[in-house]
Amino acid sequence: MAEKKFTCEVLLAIDEQISRGNMVRLQVVRWNKYAPVLEKREFYTSKDGEEKTGKAKGFNHEDLQLIVDSLDKIQKLLEKEFKD
């Protein structure tokens, strides 16, 4: 079975924190050329030093405040339609 390829374009990095040894990012991204989404996601480093995508996480109160503070930028990115 062929390995699936995923591409992720970060359109806006809102916040980045370390949680339990992994990086957690709040960001607006576009996966595989689909419409942009707002996400909070965990990233980890593999044994060979490569950054790997982890699980999506839920928003907390601090995330909500960061989203409110960046709302205009986020809305503009989420409203765009990307066509290739």
Protein backbone atom coordinates (compact mmCIF):
# COMPACT_ATOMS: atom_id res chain seq x y z
CA MET A 1 0.00 0.00 0.00
CA ALA A 2 1.35 3.41 -0.98
CA GLU A 3 2.17 5.85 1.77
CA LYS A 4 -0.15 8.86 1.85
CA LYS A 5 1.53 12.22 1.45
CA PHE A 6 0.21 15.15 3.45
CA THR A 7 1.26 18.72 2.91
CA CYS A 8 0.61 21.46 5.40
CA GLU A 9 1.00 25.15 4.62
CA VAL A 10 1.07 27.34 7.74
CA LEU A 11 -0.77 30.55 6.91
CA LEU A 12 -0.67 32.12 10.39
CA ALA A 13 1.19 30.99 13.51
CA ILE A 14 -0.72 32.30 16.52
CA ASP A 15 1.00 30.59 19.45
CA GLU A 16 3.54 27.89 20.21
CA GLN A 17 4.08 26.19 23.58
CA ILE A 18 5.76 23.07 24.96
CA SER A 19 3.45 20.55 26.63
CA ARG A 20 4.72 17.24 28.02
CA GLY A 21 7.89 17.55 25.95
CA ASN A 22 6.01 18.12 22.68
CA MET A 23 5.38 21.34 20.79
CA VAL A 24 1.77 22.52 20.65
CA ARG A 25 0.86 25.11 18.01
CA LEU A 26 -2.24 27.21 17.53
CA GLN A 27 -2.32 28.12 13.85
CA VAL A 28 -4.26 28.62 10.65
CA VAL A 29 -3.19 25.99 8.13
CA ARG A 30 -4.13 24.56 4.78
CA TRP A 31 -3.82 20.76 4.45
CA ASN A 32 -3.33 19.30 0.95
CA LYS A 33 -4.56 22.45 -0.80
CA TYR A 34 -7.96 22.34 0.93
CA ALA A 35 -9.62 25.36 2.54
CA PRO A 36 -7.77 26.90 5.50
CA VAL A 37 -8.66 25.79 9.03
CA LEU A 38 -7.90 27.00 12.54
CA GLU A 39 -6.27 24.25 14.59
CA LYS A 40 -4.37 23.48 17.72
CA ARG A 41 -2.04 20.56 17.09
CA GLU A 42 0.72 18.69 18.87
CA PHE A 43 4.04 18.04 17.13
CA TYR A 44 6.83 15.73 18.23
CA THR A 45 10.35 14.91 17.12
CA SER A 46 11.05 11.38 15.86
CA LYS A 47 14.13 9.43 16.91
CA ASP A 48 15.85 10.51 13.69
CA GLY A 49 15.20 14.20 14.47
CA GLU A 50 12.32 14.75 12.04
CA GLU A 51 9.33 16.82 13.19
CA LYS A 52 6.12 14.77 13.03
CA THR A 53 2.49 15.83 13.19
CA GLY A 54 0.65 14.66 16.28
CA LYS A 55 -2.90 14.82 17.52
CA ALA A 56 -5.27 17.75 17.23
CA LYS A 57 -6.15 19.23 20.61
CA GLY A 58 -9.09 21.13 22.05
CA PHE A 59 -9.02 24.85 22.76
CA ASN A 60 -8.75 26.19 26.31
CA HIS A 61 -9.44 29.64 27.79
CA GLU A 62 -5.95 30.94 26.91
CA ASP A 63 -6.38 29.75 23.32
CA LEU A 64 -9.71 31.54 23.10
CA GLN A 65 -8.09 34.80 24.19
CA LEU A 66 -5.33 34.39 21.58
CA ILE A 67 -7.99 33.71 18.94
CA VAL A 68 -9.97 36.81 19.95
CA ASP A 69 -6.79 38.90 19.81
CA SER A 70 -6.03 37.62 16.28
CA LEU A 71 -9.62 37.37 15.04
CA ASP A 72 -9.32 39.82 12.12
CA LYS A 73 -6.29 38.00 10.66
CA ILE A 74 -7.89 34.59 11.21
CA GLN A 75 -11.18 35.61 9.59
CA LYS A 76 -9.45 36.97 6.49
CA LEU A 77 -7.56 33.72 6.01
CA LEU A 78 -10.56 31.47 6.64
CA GLU A 79 -12.75 33.46 4.23
CA LYS A 80 -10.35 32.99 1.32
CA GLU A 81 -11.03 30.31 -1.25
CA PHE A 82 -7.87 28.68 -2.52
CA LYS A 83 -7.99 27.27 -6.02
CA ASP A 84 -5.15 25.57 -7.82
